[in-house]
Amino acid sequence: MNFYIVLFKDKTKKKIIKKFSNSKKAEDFYNEMLKENKSVIFEKLFDNGKPSKYDIGLLSDKKPKSNQIYIQDEIGRNIKVKLDEDGMTLFKIQPYKKEETLYDIKENKKITTQVFIKKYLKGDGLKMISVLNNKIIVQEDEKIHLFTLKLESESSRFVDCLSSYFFKIKRGDCLFVKDYSTAQRKSLYQLLESAGIDKKILYRKFTTYPSRLR
C-alpha cells in the first residue's frame, strides 16, 4: 500500500507532493508540512483572477469504503472532494496556505515573501515599503526596488500582511505606507521615473505575468 501527500485546489486534486510506502513517515511528513505552513506570511488567495482555496490531504491507494468523500467548508456545508483516480482513500485533509509570490521587476522573476525580506529588507537602516497601484516600492536611502502583484488589492494586502508580521516579531526598521495625498503620489511617480522606471509600468493597475512565469 502506498501513501500520498496531495495538494487540493478548490476541493479538487491539483498535484501529488510526495509518495510514501510507510504510513508513519507519510503522516509525520504531513504533520510537518502543516506545522511549517503556519509561518506563511502572504498566502495565495487568487488564481487566474479567481478566488481559490487550498488544502493538503493524506491519501492511500487502499480501496475506499465509499466512492464519495466529503469535508466541511467554513460554514459547515458538506463539500464533495474530487479525486481523479478511483480506489483512493482520503485519511486526512486540512486547509493549506499556499504561498503567493511577487514579481521582481529588476530581476525579471517571481520571488517569495521570505526572499523579499532577506534580500531587500536586510540591515539596520530605515526602509520604506509603499503601495502604488499594484506595485510595491522599497526605498532605502537612494536605493529603489520595484515589485508587482496581480491586483491593486493584492498589493495593499501584502503590505498589511508584512506589517502585521513585523509587528509580531517586534521589528521596527520598516515604515509601511498605503495612502498618499495627490501631491505625494505625483512626487512618487516623478521619483520612480527619474530612477529609470517606465511610466507605463507605474500607471498599470493589474499585471499578467509572462506565460513562462505562471
N, C-alpha and C. Protein backbone atom coordinates (compact mmCIF):
# COMPACT_ATOMS: atom_id res chain seq x y z
N MET A 1 0.84 -1.19 0.00
CA MET A 1 0.00 0.00 0.00
C MET A 1 0.88 1.25 0.00
N ASN A 2 0.54 2.23 -0.82
CA ASN A 2 1.28 3.48 -0.88
C ASN A 2 0.45 4.63 -0.28
N PHE A 3 1.16 5.64 0.22
CA PHE A 3 0.51 6.80 0.83
C PHE A 3 0.97 8.06 0.11
N TYR A 4 0.07 9.01 -0.03
CA TYR A 4 0.34 10.20 -0.82
C TYR A 4 -0.02 11.47 -0.06
N ILE A 5 0.85 12.48 -0.16
CA ILE A 5 0.53 13.82 0.31
C ILE A 5 0.09 14.59 -0.93
N VAL A 6 -1.14 15.09 -0.90
CA VAL A 6 -1.74 15.66 -2.10
C VAL A 6 -2.20 17.09 -1.84
N LEU A 7 -1.91 17.99 -2.79
CA LEU A 7 -2.41 19.35 -2.73
C LEU A 7 -3.73 19.44 -3.48
N PHE A 8 -4.74 20.01 -2.82
CA PHE A 8 -6.04 20.23 -3.44
C PHE A 8 -6.25 21.72 -3.67
N LYS A 9 -6.84 22.05 -4.80
CA LYS A 9 -7.26 23.42 -5.07
C LYS A 9 -8.76 23.41 -5.28
N ASP A 10 -9.47 24.18 -4.45
CA ASP A 10 -10.92 24.24 -4.51
C ASP A 10 -11.54 22.85 -4.47
N LYS A 11 -11.01 22.01 -3.55
CA LYS A 11 -11.51 20.65 -3.28
C LYS A 11 -11.27 19.67 -4.43
N THR A 12 -10.42 20.04 -5.39
CA THR A 12 -10.08 19.15 -6.49
C THR A 12 -8.57 18.89 -6.47
N LYS A 13 -8.17 17.63 -6.64
CA LYS A 13 -6.75 17.28 -6.58
C LYS A 13 -5.95 18.05 -7.63
N LYS A 14 -4.89 18.73 -7.17
CA LYS A 14 -4.05 19.50 -8.08
C LYS A 14 -2.75 18.79 -8.40
N LYS A 15 -2.06 18.28 -7.34
CA LYS A 15 -0.82 17.54 -7.61
C LYS A 15 -0.44 16.70 -6.39
N ILE A 16 0.35 15.65 -6.65
CA ILE A 16 0.92 14.83 -5.59
C ILE A 16 2.23 15.47 -5.15
N ILE A 17 2.33 15.80 -3.87
CA ILE A 17 3.54 16.44 -3.34
C ILE A 17 4.62 15.40 -3.04
N LYS A 18 4.22 14.28 -2.43
CA LYS A 18 5.20 13.24 -2.08
C LYS A 18 4.49 11.90 -1.90
N LYS A 19 5.22 10.82 -2.20
CA LYS A 19 4.69 9.46 -2.09
C LYS A 19 5.51 8.68 -1.06
N PHE A 20 4.82 7.86 -0.25
CA PHE A 20 5.48 7.05 0.77
C PHE A 20 4.96 5.62 0.71
N SER A 21 5.80 4.68 1.17
CA SER A 21 5.35 3.30 1.31
C SER A 21 5.08 2.97 2.78
N ASN A 22 5.37 3.93 3.67
CA ASN A 22 5.21 3.74 5.10
C ASN A 22 4.23 4.77 5.64
N SER A 23 3.19 4.33 6.36
CA SER A 23 2.14 5.23 6.82
C SER A 23 2.65 6.24 7.85
N LYS A 24 3.56 5.80 8.75
CA LYS A 24 4.06 6.71 9.77
C LYS A 24 4.90 7.83 9.16
N LYS A 25 5.76 7.49 8.20
CA LYS A 25 6.57 8.50 7.55
C LYS A 25 5.67 9.49 6.79
N ALA A 26 4.62 8.98 6.17
CA ALA A 26 3.69 9.84 5.45
C ALA A 26 2.99 10.80 6.41
N GLU A 27 2.53 10.27 7.53
CA GLU A 27 1.82 11.11 8.50
C GLU A 27 2.76 12.12 9.15
N ASP A 28 4.00 11.71 9.43
CA ASP A 28 4.98 12.65 10.00
C ASP A 28 5.26 13.79 9.03
N PHE A 29 5.41 13.45 7.76
CA PHE A 29 5.68 14.47 6.74
C PHE A 29 4.48 15.41 6.61
N TYR A 30 3.29 14.85 6.63
CA TYR A 30 2.05 15.63 6.53
C TYR A 30 1.95 16.62 7.70
N ASN A 31 2.19 16.13 8.90
CA ASN A 31 2.11 16.99 10.09
C ASN A 31 3.18 18.07 10.08
N GLU A 32 4.38 17.74 9.58
CA GLU A 32 5.45 18.72 9.49
C GLU A 32 5.11 19.81 8.48
N MET A 33 4.47 19.43 7.38
CA MET A 33 4.04 20.42 6.39
C MET A 33 3.04 21.40 6.99
N LEU A 34 2.10 20.88 7.77
CA LEU A 34 1.11 21.74 8.42
C LEU A 34 1.78 22.68 9.42
N LYS A 35 2.76 22.15 10.13
CA LYS A 35 3.48 22.97 11.12
C LYS A 35 4.24 24.10 10.43
N GLU A 36 4.97 23.78 9.37
CA GLU A 36 5.73 24.78 8.63
C GLU A 36 4.81 25.78 7.95
N ASN A 37 3.62 25.34 7.57
CA ASN A 37 2.70 26.19 6.84
C ASN A 37 2.20 27.38 7.67
N LYS A 38 2.29 27.25 8.99
CA LYS A 38 1.86 28.34 9.88
C LYS A 38 2.73 29.58 9.71
N SER A 39 3.93 29.41 9.16
CA SER A 39 4.85 30.54 9.03
C SER A 39 4.65 31.33 7.73
N VAL A 40 3.73 30.90 6.87
CA VAL A 40 3.49 31.63 5.62
C VAL A 40 2.93 33.02 5.94
N ILE A 41 3.56 34.04 5.41
CA ILE A 41 3.17 35.42 5.70
C ILE A 41 2.09 35.91 4.74
N PHE A 42 2.26 35.58 3.46
CA PHE A 42 1.37 36.12 2.41
C PHE A 42 0.86 34.96 1.57
N GLU A 43 -0.36 34.52 1.85
CA GLU A 43 -0.88 33.34 1.16
C GLU A 43 -1.59 33.68 -0.13
N LYS A 44 -1.65 32.71 -1.01
CA LYS A 44 -2.29 32.87 -2.31
C LYS A 44 -3.81 32.76 -2.15
N LEU A 45 -4.51 33.80 -2.56
CA LEU A 45 -5.98 33.81 -2.47
C LEU A 45 -6.65 33.85 -3.84
N PHE A 46 -5.86 34.13 -4.90
CA PHE A 46 -6.42 34.22 -6.24
C PHE A 46 -5.55 33.41 -7.21
N ASP A 47 -6.20 32.82 -8.20
CA ASP A 47 -5.51 32.11 -9.26
C ASP A 47 -6.22 32.44 -10.57
N ASN A 48 -5.47 32.98 -11.53
CA ASN A 48 -6.06 33.43 -12.79
C ASN A 48 -7.23 34.40 -12.56
N GLY A 49 -7.07 35.27 -11.56
CA GLY A 49 -8.08 36.29 -11.29
C GLY A 49 -9.29 35.82 -10.52
N LYS A 50 -9.32 34.53 -10.15
CA LYS A 50 -10.47 34.00 -9.42
C LYS A 50 -10.06 33.58 -8.02
N PRO A 51 -10.96 33.78 -7.02
CA PRO A 51 -10.64 33.33 -5.66
C PRO A 51 -10.37 31.83 -5.64
N SER A 52 -9.39 31.41 -4.86
CA SER A 52 -9.06 29.99 -4.77
C SER A 52 -8.65 29.65 -3.35
N LYS A 53 -8.92 28.40 -2.95
CA LYS A 53 -8.54 27.91 -1.63
C LYS A 53 -7.85 26.57 -1.78
N TYR A 54 -6.91 26.32 -0.88
CA TYR A 54 -6.08 25.13 -0.97
C TYR A 54 -6.18 24.29 0.30
N ASP A 55 -5.98 22.99 0.12
CA ASP A 55 -5.94 22.03 1.23
C ASP A 55 -4.84 21.03 0.93
N ILE A 56 -4.32 20.38 1.97
CA ILE A 56 -3.46 19.22 1.73
C ILE A 56 -4.11 18.00 2.38
N GLY A 57 -4.02 16.90 1.67
CA GLY A 57 -4.63 15.66 2.14
C GLY A 57 -3.63 14.54 2.26
N LEU A 58 -3.95 13.58 3.11
CA LEU A 58 -3.17 12.35 3.24
C LEU A 58 -4.04 11.23 2.70
N LEU A 59 -3.59 10.58 1.63
CA LEU A 59 -4.36 9.56 0.95
C LEU A 59 -3.56 8.26 0.84
N SER A 60 -4.28 7.18 0.55
CA SER A 60 -3.61 5.92 0.22
C SER A 60 -4.33 5.30 -0.97
N ASP A 61 -3.68 4.29 -1.57
CA ASP A 61 -4.32 3.61 -2.70
C ASP A 61 -5.16 2.41 -2.24
N LYS A 62 -5.47 2.39 -0.95
CA LYS A 62 -6.39 1.37 -0.42
C LYS A 62 -7.79 1.66 -0.95
N LYS A 63 -8.51 0.60 -1.30
CA LYS A 63 -9.85 0.78 -1.83
C LYS A 63 -10.76 1.41 -0.77
N PRO A 64 -11.44 2.50 -1.09
CA PRO A 64 -12.28 3.17 -0.10
C PRO A 64 -13.57 2.41 0.17
N LYS A 65 -14.11 2.63 1.37
CA LYS A 65 -15.40 2.02 1.72
C LYS A 65 -16.54 2.68 0.96
N SER A 66 -16.35 3.92 0.60
CA SER A 66 -17.37 4.67 -0.13
C SER A 66 -16.71 5.39 -1.29
N ASN A 67 -17.40 5.57 -2.39
CA ASN A 67 -16.87 6.29 -3.53
C ASN A 67 -16.98 7.81 -3.37
N GLN A 68 -17.69 8.24 -2.33
CA GLN A 68 -17.90 9.66 -2.12
C GLN A 68 -17.26 10.11 -0.82
N ILE A 69 -16.41 11.13 -0.91
CA ILE A 69 -15.70 11.65 0.25
C ILE A 69 -16.10 13.11 0.43
N TYR A 70 -16.49 13.48 1.64
CA TYR A 70 -16.94 14.84 1.91
C TYR A 70 -16.12 15.45 3.05
N ILE A 71 -15.95 16.76 2.97
CA ILE A 71 -15.39 17.52 4.08
C ILE A 71 -16.28 18.75 4.28
N GLN A 72 -16.18 19.35 5.45
CA GLN A 72 -16.99 20.53 5.73
C GLN A 72 -16.23 21.80 5.37
N ASP A 73 -16.97 22.76 4.78
CA ASP A 73 -16.34 24.04 4.47
C ASP A 73 -16.43 24.96 5.68
N GLU A 74 -16.10 26.25 5.47
CA GLU A 74 -16.01 27.20 6.59
C GLU A 74 -17.33 27.44 7.30
N ILE A 75 -18.44 27.20 6.61
CA ILE A 75 -19.74 27.45 7.24
C ILE A 75 -20.51 26.15 7.52
N GLY A 76 -19.76 25.04 7.50
CA GLY A 76 -20.36 23.77 7.91
C GLY A 76 -21.05 22.97 6.83
N ARG A 77 -20.98 23.40 5.57
CA ARG A 77 -21.60 22.64 4.49
C ARG A 77 -20.72 21.46 4.09
N ASN A 78 -21.33 20.34 3.72
CA ASN A 78 -20.58 19.18 3.24
C ASN A 78 -20.23 19.36 1.77
N ILE A 79 -18.94 19.34 1.47
CA ILE A 79 -18.45 19.54 0.11
C ILE A 79 -17.75 18.26 -0.35
N LYS A 80 -18.15 17.76 -1.51
CA LYS A 80 -17.54 16.54 -2.04
C LYS A 80 -16.13 16.83 -2.53
N VAL A 81 -15.17 15.99 -2.14
CA VAL A 81 -13.79 16.09 -2.60
C VAL A 81 -13.65 15.29 -3.88
N LYS A 82 -13.09 15.92 -4.91
CA LYS A 82 -12.97 15.26 -6.20
C LYS A 82 -11.59 14.63 -6.35
N LEU A 83 -11.56 13.32 -6.55
CA LEU A 83 -10.32 12.59 -6.79
C LEU A 83 -10.31 12.10 -8.23
N ASP A 84 -9.17 12.31 -8.91
CA ASP A 84 -9.09 11.91 -10.31
C ASP A 84 -9.02 10.39 -10.46
N GLU A 85 -8.42 9.72 -9.47
CA GLU A 85 -8.25 8.28 -9.58
C GLU A 85 -9.32 7.55 -8.77
N ASP A 86 -9.74 6.39 -9.27
CA ASP A 86 -10.61 5.51 -8.50
C ASP A 86 -9.76 4.74 -7.49
N GLY A 87 -10.39 4.26 -6.43
CA GLY A 87 -9.70 3.40 -5.48
C GLY A 87 -8.75 4.11 -4.55
N MET A 88 -8.97 5.40 -4.28
CA MET A 88 -8.13 6.15 -3.33
C MET A 88 -8.93 6.43 -2.06
N THR A 89 -8.25 6.31 -0.91
CA THR A 89 -8.87 6.60 0.37
C THR A 89 -8.26 7.86 0.97
N LEU A 90 -9.09 8.79 1.37
CA LEU A 90 -8.65 10.02 1.99
C LEU A 90 -8.70 9.86 3.51
N PHE A 91 -7.53 9.96 4.17
CA PHE A 91 -7.47 9.82 5.62
C PHE A 91 -7.60 11.16 6.34
N LYS A 92 -6.90 12.16 5.81
CA LYS A 92 -6.90 13.48 6.44
C LYS A 92 -6.88 14.56 5.38
N ILE A 93 -7.49 15.71 5.71
CA ILE A 93 -7.39 16.87 4.83
C ILE A 93 -7.51 18.12 5.69
N GLN A 94 -6.61 19.10 5.45
CA GLN A 94 -6.58 20.33 6.24
C GLN A 94 -6.36 21.53 5.32
N PRO A 95 -6.88 22.70 5.69
CA PRO A 95 -6.60 23.91 4.90
C PRO A 95 -5.10 24.16 4.82
N TYR A 96 -4.67 24.68 3.68
CA TYR A 96 -3.25 24.89 3.44
C TYR A 96 -3.04 26.27 2.85
N LYS A 97 -2.10 27.03 3.41
CA LYS A 97 -1.80 28.37 2.91
C LYS A 97 -0.70 28.27 1.84
N LYS A 98 -1.12 28.26 0.60
CA LYS A 98 -0.14 28.23 -0.49
C LYS A 98 0.49 29.62 -0.60
N GLU A 99 1.81 29.67 -0.68
CA GLU A 99 2.49 30.95 -0.65
C GLU A 99 2.35 31.71 -1.96
N GLU A 100 1.94 32.97 -1.87
CA GLU A 100 1.87 33.83 -3.04
C GLU A 100 3.25 34.42 -3.30
N THR A 101 3.49 34.85 -4.52
CA THR A 101 4.78 35.42 -4.90
C THR A 101 4.62 36.85 -5.40
N LEU A 102 5.73 37.57 -5.40
CA LEU A 102 5.81 38.90 -6.01
C LEU A 102 6.66 38.79 -7.26
N TYR A 103 6.45 39.72 -8.20
CA TYR A 103 7.28 39.75 -9.39
C TYR A 103 8.33 40.85 -9.22
N ASP A 104 9.59 40.44 -9.18
CA ASP A 104 10.71 41.35 -9.03
C ASP A 104 11.05 41.90 -10.42
N ILE A 105 10.75 43.18 -10.65
CA ILE A 105 10.90 43.75 -11.99
C ILE A 105 12.36 43.77 -12.43
N LYS A 106 13.26 44.16 -11.55
CA LYS A 106 14.67 44.24 -11.92
C LYS A 106 15.25 42.87 -12.25
N GLU A 107 14.91 41.88 -11.44
CA GLU A 107 15.45 40.53 -11.64
C GLU A 107 14.64 39.72 -12.65
N ASN A 108 13.45 40.24 -13.03
CA ASN A 108 12.59 39.58 -14.02
C ASN A 108 12.21 38.16 -13.60
N LYS A 109 11.77 38.04 -12.32
CA LYS A 109 11.36 36.73 -11.84
C LYS A 109 10.46 36.87 -10.62
N LYS A 110 9.75 35.80 -10.31
CA LYS A 110 8.92 35.78 -9.11
C LYS A 110 9.77 35.42 -7.90
N ILE A 111 9.42 36.03 -6.77
CA ILE A 111 10.11 35.70 -5.52
C ILE A 111 9.08 35.53 -4.41
N THR A 112 9.45 34.81 -3.37
CA THR A 112 8.57 34.63 -2.22
C THR A 112 8.76 35.80 -1.25
N THR A 113 7.85 35.90 -0.31
CA THR A 113 7.95 36.95 0.71
C THR A 113 9.23 36.80 1.53
N GLN A 114 9.61 35.56 1.85
CA GLN A 114 10.83 35.35 2.63
C GLN A 114 12.06 35.81 1.88
N VAL A 115 12.11 35.56 0.57
CA VAL A 115 13.23 36.05 -0.25
C VAL A 115 13.21 37.57 -0.30
N PHE A 116 12.03 38.16 -0.45
CA PHE A 116 11.85 39.61 -0.45
C PHE A 116 12.43 40.23 0.83
N ILE A 117 12.09 39.65 1.98
CA ILE A 117 12.57 40.17 3.26
C ILE A 117 14.09 40.01 3.38
N LYS A 118 14.58 38.84 3.05
CA LYS A 118 16.00 38.54 3.21
C LYS A 118 16.88 39.38 2.28
N LYS A 119 16.41 39.61 1.06
CA LYS A 119 17.23 40.31 0.07
C LYS A 119 17.07 41.82 0.11
N TYR A 120 15.85 42.32 0.33
CA TYR A 120 15.60 43.74 0.18
C TYR A 120 15.32 44.48 1.48
N LEU A 121 15.09 43.77 2.57
CA LEU A 121 14.81 44.44 3.84
C LEU A 121 15.87 44.10 4.89
N LYS A 122 17.06 43.77 4.45
CA LYS A 122 18.14 43.41 5.37
C LYS A 122 18.84 44.67 5.90
N GLY A 123 19.60 44.51 6.96
CA GLY A 123 20.36 45.62 7.51
C GLY A 123 19.55 46.44 8.52
N ASP A 124 20.24 47.42 9.13
CA ASP A 124 19.64 48.19 10.21
C ASP A 124 19.00 49.50 9.76
N GLY A 125 19.29 49.96 8.57
CA GLY A 125 18.76 51.25 8.12
C GLY A 125 17.24 51.22 7.94
N LEU A 126 16.63 52.40 7.97
CA LEU A 126 15.18 52.51 7.81
C LEU A 126 14.79 52.26 6.36
N LYS A 127 13.86 51.34 6.17
CA LYS A 127 13.33 51.05 4.84
C LYS A 127 11.86 51.48 4.76
N MET A 128 11.46 52.06 3.63
CA MET A 128 10.06 52.43 3.45
C MET A 128 9.45 51.52 2.39
N ILE A 129 8.35 50.87 2.73
CA ILE A 129 7.63 49.98 1.82
C ILE A 129 6.30 50.63 1.49
N SER A 130 6.11 50.95 0.21
CA SER A 130 4.93 51.71 -0.21
C SER A 130 4.10 50.93 -1.22
N VAL A 131 2.82 51.29 -1.32
CA VAL A 131 1.91 50.74 -2.31
C VAL A 131 1.62 51.80 -3.36
N LEU A 132 1.72 51.43 -4.63
CA LEU A 132 1.36 52.32 -5.72
C LEU A 132 0.69 51.48 -6.80
N ASN A 133 -0.64 51.64 -6.92
CA ASN A 133 -1.42 50.79 -7.81
C ASN A 133 -1.19 49.32 -7.41
N ASN A 134 -0.73 48.48 -8.35
CA ASN A 134 -0.46 47.10 -7.98
C ASN A 134 1.03 46.86 -7.72
N LYS A 135 1.73 47.95 -7.38
CA LYS A 135 3.19 47.88 -7.16
C LYS A 135 3.53 47.95 -5.68
N ILE A 136 4.67 47.37 -5.35
CA ILE A 136 5.30 47.52 -4.05
C ILE A 136 6.64 48.20 -4.29
N ILE A 137 6.88 49.28 -3.57
CA ILE A 137 8.12 50.05 -3.71
C ILE A 137 8.90 49.97 -2.42
N VAL A 138 10.17 49.63 -2.52
CA VAL A 138 11.06 49.61 -1.36
C VAL A 138 12.10 50.71 -1.55
N GLN A 139 12.15 51.63 -0.58
CA GLN A 139 13.12 52.72 -0.63
C GLN A 139 14.02 52.65 0.61
N GLU A 140 15.32 52.71 0.35
CA GLU A 140 16.30 52.77 1.44
C GLU A 140 17.41 53.69 0.98
N ASP A 141 17.49 54.87 1.60
CA ASP A 141 18.42 55.91 1.16
C ASP A 141 18.16 56.20 -0.32
N GLU A 142 19.15 56.01 -1.16
CA GLU A 142 18.99 56.30 -2.59
C GLU A 142 18.56 55.07 -3.40
N LYS A 143 18.47 53.94 -2.75
CA LYS A 143 18.13 52.71 -3.46
C LYS A 143 16.61 52.54 -3.57
N ILE A 144 16.15 52.15 -4.76
CA ILE A 144 14.73 51.93 -5.01
C ILE A 144 14.55 50.58 -5.69
N HIS A 145 13.62 49.78 -5.18
CA HIS A 145 13.31 48.49 -5.79
C HIS A 145 11.80 48.42 -6.03
N LEU A 146 11.42 47.83 -7.15
CA LEU A 146 10.01 47.81 -7.54
C LEU A 146 9.54 46.37 -7.79
N PHE A 147 8.35 46.08 -7.31
CA PHE A 147 7.75 44.74 -7.44
C PHE A 147 6.29 44.91 -7.83
N THR A 148 5.75 43.90 -8.51
CA THR A 148 4.34 43.96 -8.87
C THR A 148 3.60 42.73 -8.35
N LEU A 149 2.31 42.95 -8.14
CA LEU A 149 1.38 41.87 -7.83
C LEU A 149 0.26 41.92 -8.86
N LYS A 150 -0.63 40.94 -8.80
CA LYS A 150 -1.62 40.81 -9.88
C LYS A 150 -2.68 41.90 -9.85
N LEU A 151 -3.04 42.36 -8.64
CA LEU A 151 -4.13 43.31 -8.48
C LEU A 151 -3.74 44.40 -7.49
N GLU A 152 -4.42 45.55 -7.56
CA GLU A 152 -4.22 46.61 -6.58
C GLU A 152 -4.49 46.11 -5.16
N SER A 153 -5.59 45.38 -5.01
CA SER A 153 -5.97 44.90 -3.68
C SER A 153 -4.93 43.95 -3.11
N GLU A 154 -4.22 43.21 -3.98
CA GLU A 154 -3.19 42.29 -3.52
C GLU A 154 -1.97 43.03 -2.98
N SER A 155 -1.62 44.16 -3.59
CA SER A 155 -0.50 44.95 -3.10
C SER A 155 -0.82 45.51 -1.72
N SER A 156 -2.04 45.99 -1.56
CA SER A 156 -2.46 46.50 -0.25
C SER A 156 -2.46 45.39 0.79
N ARG A 157 -2.95 44.22 0.41
CA ARG A 157 -2.99 43.08 1.33
C ARG A 157 -1.58 42.64 1.70
N PHE A 158 -0.66 42.68 0.73
CA PHE A 158 0.72 42.30 1.01
C PHE A 158 1.33 43.18 2.10
N VAL A 159 1.14 44.49 1.98
CA VAL A 159 1.67 45.42 2.97
C VAL A 159 1.02 45.19 4.33
N ASP A 160 -0.28 44.91 4.35
CA ASP A 160 -0.95 44.60 5.62
C ASP A 160 -0.36 43.35 6.27
N CYS A 161 -0.16 42.31 5.46
CA CYS A 161 0.39 41.05 5.99
C CYS A 161 1.82 41.25 6.50
N LEU A 162 2.61 41.99 5.73
CA LEU A 162 4.01 42.20 6.10
C LEU A 162 4.13 43.06 7.36
N SER A 163 3.33 44.11 7.44
CA SER A 163 3.39 44.98 8.63
C SER A 163 2.93 44.23 9.88
N SER A 164 1.91 43.37 9.73
CA SER A 164 1.45 42.56 10.87
C SER A 164 2.54 41.60 11.32
N TYR A 165 3.25 41.01 10.36
CA TYR A 165 4.34 40.08 10.68
C TYR A 165 5.47 40.82 11.40
N PHE A 166 5.84 42.00 10.91
CA PHE A 166 6.92 42.76 11.54
C PHE A 166 6.52 43.21 12.95
N PHE A 167 5.26 43.55 13.13
CA PHE A 167 4.78 43.91 14.47
C PHE A 167 4.88 42.71 15.41
N LYS A 168 4.54 41.54 14.88
CA LYS A 168 4.57 40.32 15.67
C LYS A 168 5.98 39.97 16.13
N ILE A 169 6.96 40.16 15.25
CA ILE A 169 8.34 39.81 15.59
C ILE A 169 9.10 41.00 16.19
N LYS A 170 8.38 42.10 16.42
CA LYS A 170 8.94 43.30 17.05
C LYS A 170 10.11 43.88 16.25
N ARG A 171 9.92 43.95 14.95
CA ARG A 171 10.93 44.55 14.08
C ARG A 171 10.45 45.94 13.67
N GLY A 172 11.27 46.96 13.96
CA GLY A 172 10.80 48.33 13.75
C GLY A 172 11.60 49.15 12.76
N ASP A 173 12.33 48.50 11.84
CA ASP A 173 13.17 49.25 10.90
C ASP A 173 12.49 49.51 9.56
N CYS A 174 11.19 49.23 9.46
CA CYS A 174 10.46 49.42 8.21
C CYS A 174 9.24 50.31 8.43
N LEU A 175 9.04 51.23 7.52
CA LEU A 175 7.88 52.11 7.54
C LEU A 175 6.95 51.70 6.40
N PHE A 176 5.69 51.43 6.71
CA PHE A 176 4.74 50.96 5.72
C PHE A 176 3.76 52.08 5.36
N VAL A 177 3.63 52.35 4.05
CA VAL A 177 2.80 53.46 3.58
C VAL A 177 1.81 52.94 2.54
N LYS A 178 0.52 53.21 2.78
CA LYS A 178 -0.52 52.79 1.83
C LYS A 178 -1.30 53.96 1.23
N ASP A 179 -1.34 55.08 1.93
CA ASP A 179 -2.16 56.21 1.49
C ASP A 179 -1.29 57.44 1.23
N TYR A 180 -1.59 58.14 0.13
CA TYR A 180 -0.86 59.34 -0.24
C TYR A 180 -1.83 60.47 -0.54
N SER A 181 -1.34 61.68 -0.36
CA SER A 181 -2.06 62.83 -0.90
C SER A 181 -1.76 62.89 -2.40
N THR A 182 -2.51 63.69 -3.13
CA THR A 182 -2.27 63.83 -4.58
C THR A 182 -0.85 64.32 -4.84
N ALA A 183 -0.40 65.26 -4.04
CA ALA A 183 0.96 65.81 -4.22
C ALA A 183 2.02 64.75 -3.94
N GLN A 184 1.82 63.95 -2.90
CA GLN A 184 2.78 62.90 -2.57
C GLN A 184 2.84 61.84 -3.66
N ARG A 185 1.66 61.48 -4.19
CA ARG A 185 1.61 60.49 -5.26
C ARG A 185 2.34 61.00 -6.51
N LYS A 186 2.12 62.27 -6.84
CA LYS A 186 2.78 62.86 -8.01
C LYS A 186 4.29 62.86 -7.81
N SER A 187 4.73 63.19 -6.60
CA SER A 187 6.16 63.22 -6.29
C SER A 187 6.77 61.82 -6.39
N LEU A 188 6.00 60.81 -5.97
CA LEU A 188 6.49 59.43 -6.03
C LEU A 188 6.63 58.97 -7.47
N TYR A 189 5.65 59.30 -8.32
CA TYR A 189 5.76 58.98 -9.74
C TYR A 189 7.02 59.61 -10.34
N GLN A 190 7.25 60.88 -10.01
CA GLN A 190 8.43 61.58 -10.55
C GLN A 190 9.72 60.93 -10.09
N LEU A 191 9.76 60.53 -8.81
CA LEU A 191 10.95 59.88 -8.27
C LEU A 191 11.24 58.57 -8.99
N LEU A 192 10.20 57.78 -9.22
CA LEU A 192 10.38 56.48 -9.86
C LEU A 192 10.75 56.62 -11.33
N GLU A 193 10.15 57.60 -12.00
CA GLU A 193 10.50 57.84 -13.41
C GLU A 193 11.95 58.31 -13.52
N SER A 194 12.39 59.15 -12.59
CA SER A 194 13.78 59.63 -12.61
C SER A 194 14.77 58.50 -12.34
N ALA A 195 14.27 57.41 -11.69
CA ALA A 195 15.11 56.24 -11.45
C ALA A 195 15.14 55.30 -12.65
N GLY A 196 14.47 55.71 -13.74
CA GLY A 196 14.52 54.94 -14.97
C GLY A 196 13.42 53.91 -15.14
N ILE A 197 12.37 54.00 -14.32
CA ILE A 197 11.27 53.04 -14.41
C ILE A 197 10.24 53.54 -15.42
N ASP A 198 9.84 52.67 -16.32
CA ASP A 198 8.91 53.02 -17.39
C ASP A 198 7.59 53.53 -16.83
N LYS A 199 7.14 54.67 -17.33
CA LYS A 199 5.89 55.30 -16.88
C LYS A 199 4.69 54.38 -17.09
N LYS A 200 4.70 53.61 -18.17
CA LYS A 200 3.58 52.70 -18.47
C LYS A 200 3.44 51.63 -17.38
N ILE A 201 4.58 51.15 -16.88
CA ILE A 201 4.56 50.15 -15.81
C ILE A 201 3.97 50.75 -14.53
N LEU A 202 4.36 51.97 -14.23
CA LEU A 202 3.93 52.61 -12.99
C LEU A 202 2.42 52.84 -12.92
N TYR A 203 1.82 53.21 -14.05
CA TYR A 203 0.40 53.54 -14.05
C TYR A 203 -0.50 52.32 -14.21
N ARG A 204 0.09 51.19 -14.57
CA ARG A 204 -0.71 49.97 -14.74
C ARG A 204 -1.23 49.51 -13.37
N LYS A 205 -2.48 49.02 -13.33
CA LYS A 205 -3.11 48.65 -12.06
C LYS A 205 -3.30 47.15 -11.88
N PHE A 206 -2.97 46.38 -12.89
CA PHE A 206 -3.00 44.93 -12.74
C PHE A 206 -1.94 44.35 -13.65
N THR A 207 -1.57 43.12 -13.40
CA THR A 207 -0.45 42.50 -14.11
C THR A 207 -0.82 41.13 -14.61
N THR A 208 -0.46 40.85 -15.85
CA THR A 208 -0.50 39.49 -16.37
C THR A 208 0.94 39.07 -16.58
N TYR A 209 1.36 38.06 -15.82
CA TYR A 209 2.75 37.63 -15.93
C TYR A 209 2.99 36.95 -17.28
N PRO A 210 4.25 37.00 -17.77
CA PRO A 210 4.59 36.21 -18.96
C PRO A 210 4.24 34.75 -18.73
N SER A 211 3.78 34.06 -19.78
CA SER A 211 3.28 32.69 -19.65
C SER A 211 4.33 31.75 -19.04
N ARG A 212 5.59 31.99 -19.29
CA ARG A 212 6.64 31.11 -18.75
C ARG A 212 6.79 31.25 -17.25
N LEU A 213 6.23 32.33 -16.66
CA LEU A 213 6.35 32.54 -15.23
C LEU A 213 5.11 32.15 -14.46
N ARG A 214 4.06 31.74 -15.13
CA ARG A 214 2.81 31.41 -14.43
C ARG A 214 2.93 30.11 -13.69
